[in-house]
Amino acid sequence: MADDTNANRFVPDPQRRIAAATAIGMNALKPMMHFQVSMLRMWADSIERLEANYDKKLEDTAATLEEASDKERAA
């Protein structure tokens, strides 16, 4: 009986094997997820900068048109 118990000790049960494979997969996936999140943050930052530049240009254009109309009225 002692030999039978020792022989089964080295055979991993299926749940342990699945858990180990899952842990390995998650450890391999973590750097890819971090990379994707950083790329998404960069993309969002670029969109925000684009929006800020667009608003600034729109305000500048509106101010220029308003100045031009004021000059036309004065003339």
C-alpha atoms as a PDB file:
ATOM      1  CA  MET A   1       0.000   0.000   0.000  1.00  0.00           C
ATOM      2  CA  ALA A   2       2.797   2.401   0.744  1.00  0.00           C
ATOM      3  CA  ASP A   3       4.125   1.976  -2.802  1.00  0.00           C
ATOM      4  CA  ASP A   4       0.705   2.753  -4.293  1.00  0.00           C
ATOM      5  CA  THR A   5       0.396   5.989  -2.300  1.00  0.00           C
ATOM      6  CA  ASN A   6       3.877   7.148  -3.286  1.00  0.00           C
ATOM      7  CA  ALA A   7       3.220   6.409  -6.962  1.00  0.00           C
ATOM      8  CA  ASN A   8       0.042   8.530  -6.995  1.00  0.00           C
ATOM      9  CA  ARG A   9       1.759  11.383  -5.199  1.00  0.00           C
ATOM     10  CA  PHE A  10       3.631  12.455  -8.342  1.00  0.00           C
ATOM     11  CA  VAL A  11       0.625  12.302 -10.658  1.00  0.00           C
ATOM     12  CA  PRO A  12      -1.057  15.718 -10.647  1.00  0.00           C
ATOM     13  CA  ASP A  13      -4.810  15.697 -10.536  1.00  0.00           C
ATOM     14  CA  PRO A  14      -6.649  17.351 -13.448  1.00  0.00           C
ATOM     15  CA  GLN A  15      -7.761  20.349 -11.412  1.00  0.00           C
ATOM     16  CA  ARG A  16      -4.199  21.172 -10.421  1.00  0.00           C
ATOM     17  CA  ARG A  17      -3.067  20.789 -14.008  1.00  0.00           C
ATOM     18  CA  ILE A  18      -5.824  23.092 -15.252  1.00  0.00           C
ATOM     19  CA  ALA A  19      -5.034  25.640 -12.538  1.00  0.00           C
ATOM     20  CA  ALA A  20      -1.354  25.556 -13.420  1.00  0.00           C
ATOM     21  CA  ALA A  21      -2.072  25.986 -17.135  1.00  0.00           C
ATOM     22  CA  THR A  22      -4.400  28.879 -16.367  1.00  0.00           C
ATOM     23  CA  ALA A  23      -1.774  30.556 -14.200  1.00  0.00           C
ATOM     24  CA  ILE A  24       0.845  30.173 -16.931  1.00  0.00           C
ATOM     25  CA  GLY A  25      -1.562  31.588 -19.513  1.00  0.00           C
ATOM     26  CA  MET A  26      -2.463  34.562 -17.346  1.00  0.00           C
ATOM     27  CA  ASN A  27       1.199  35.294 -16.640  1.00  0.00           C
ATOM     28  CA  ALA A  28       1.899  35.227 -20.369  1.00  0.00           C
ATOM     29  CA  LEU A  29      -1.124  37.435 -21.092  1.00  0.00           C
ATOM     30  CA  LYS A  30      -0.326  40.135 -18.523  1.00  0.00           C
ATOM     31  CA  PRO A  31       2.412  41.964 -20.515  1.00  0.00           C
ATOM     32  CA  MET A  32       0.249  41.967 -23.642  1.00  0.00           C
ATOM     33  CA  MET A  33      -2.666  43.428 -21.705  1.00  0.00           C
ATOM     34  CA  HIS A  34      -0.428  46.109 -20.205  1.00  0.00           C
ATOM     35  CA  PHE A  35       0.798  47.003 -23.680  1.00  0.00           C
ATOM     36  CA  GLN A  36      -2.737  47.227 -25.057  1.00  0.00           C
ATOM     37  CA  VAL A  37      -3.851  49.408 -22.152  1.00  0.00           C
ATOM     38  CA  SER A  38      -0.893  51.753 -22.659  1.00  0.00           C
ATOM     39  CA  MET A  39      -1.665  51.996 -26.376  1.00  0.00           C
ATOM     40  CA  LEU A  40      -5.309  52.769 -25.583  1.00  0.00           C
ATOM     41  CA  ARG A  41      -4.232  55.491 -23.155  1.00  0.00           C
ATOM     42  CA  MET A  42      -1.937  57.017 -25.787  1.00  0.00           C
ATOM     43  CA  TRP A  43      -4.772  56.923 -28.330  1.00  0.00           C
ATOM     44  CA  ALA A  44      -7.172  58.608 -25.898  1.00  0.00           C
ATOM     45  CA  ASP A  45      -4.575  61.264 -25.078  1.00  0.00           C
ATOM     46  CA  SER A  46      -4.080  61.970 -28.785  1.00  0.00           C
ATOM     47  CA  ILE A  47      -7.836  62.310 -29.287  1.00  0.00           C
ATOM     48  CA  GLU A  48      -8.037  64.750 -26.373  1.00  0.00           C
ATOM     49  CA  ARG A  49      -5.162  66.828 -27.780  1.00  0.00           C
ATOM     50  CA  LEU A  50      -6.808  66.839 -31.206  1.00  0.00           C
ATOM     51  CA  GLU A  51     -10.056  68.035 -29.653  1.00  0.00           C
ATOM     52  CA  ALA A  52      -8.273  70.799 -27.725  1.00  0.00           C
ATOM     53  CA  ASN A  53      -6.454  71.962 -30.877  1.00  0.00           C
ATOM     54  CA  TYR A  54      -9.712  71.886 -32.835  1.00  0.00           C
ATOM     55  CA  ASP A  55     -11.476  74.014 -30.201  1.00  0.00           C
ATOM     56  CA  LYS A  56      -8.573  76.482 -30.137  1.00  0.00           C
ATOM     57  CA  LYS A  57      -8.553  76.842 -33.932  1.00  0.00           C
ATOM     58  CA  LEU A  58     -12.328  77.205 -33.956  1.00  0.00           C
ATOM     59  CA  GLU A  59     -12.159  80.008 -31.377  1.00  0.00           C
ATOM     60  CA  ASP A  60      -9.339  81.715 -33.299  1.00  0.00           C
ATOM     61  CA  THR A  61     -11.338  81.532 -36.523  1.00  0.00           C
ATOM     62  CA  ALA A  62     -14.450  82.906 -34.824  1.00  0.00           C
ATOM     63  CA  ALA A  63     -12.433  85.775 -33.336  1.00  0.00           C
ATOM     64  CA  THR A  64     -10.868  86.563 -36.730  1.00  0.00           C
ATOM     65  CA  LEU A  65     -14.270  86.599 -38.438  1.00  0.00           C
ATOM     66  CA  GLU A  66     -15.697  88.799 -35.702  1.00  0.00           C
ATOM     67  CA  GLU A  67     -12.799  91.262 -36.071  1.00  0.00           C
ATOM     68  CA  ALA A  68     -13.285  91.343 -39.833  1.00  0.00           C
ATOM     69  CA  SER A  69     -17.003  92.074 -39.495  1.00  0.00           C
ATOM     70  CA  ASP A  70     -16.265  94.789 -36.929  1.00  0.00           C
ATOM     71  CA  LYS A  71     -13.805  96.426 -39.370  1.00  0.00           C
ATOM     72  CA  GLU A  72     -16.410  96.273 -42.175  1.00  0.00           C
ATOM     73  CA  ARG A  73     -18.990  97.961 -39.984  1.00  0.00           C
ATOM     74  CA  ALA A  74     -16.526 100.664 -38.970  1.00  0.00           C
ATOM     75  CA  ALA A  75     -15.579 101.370 -42.571  1.00  0.00           C
END
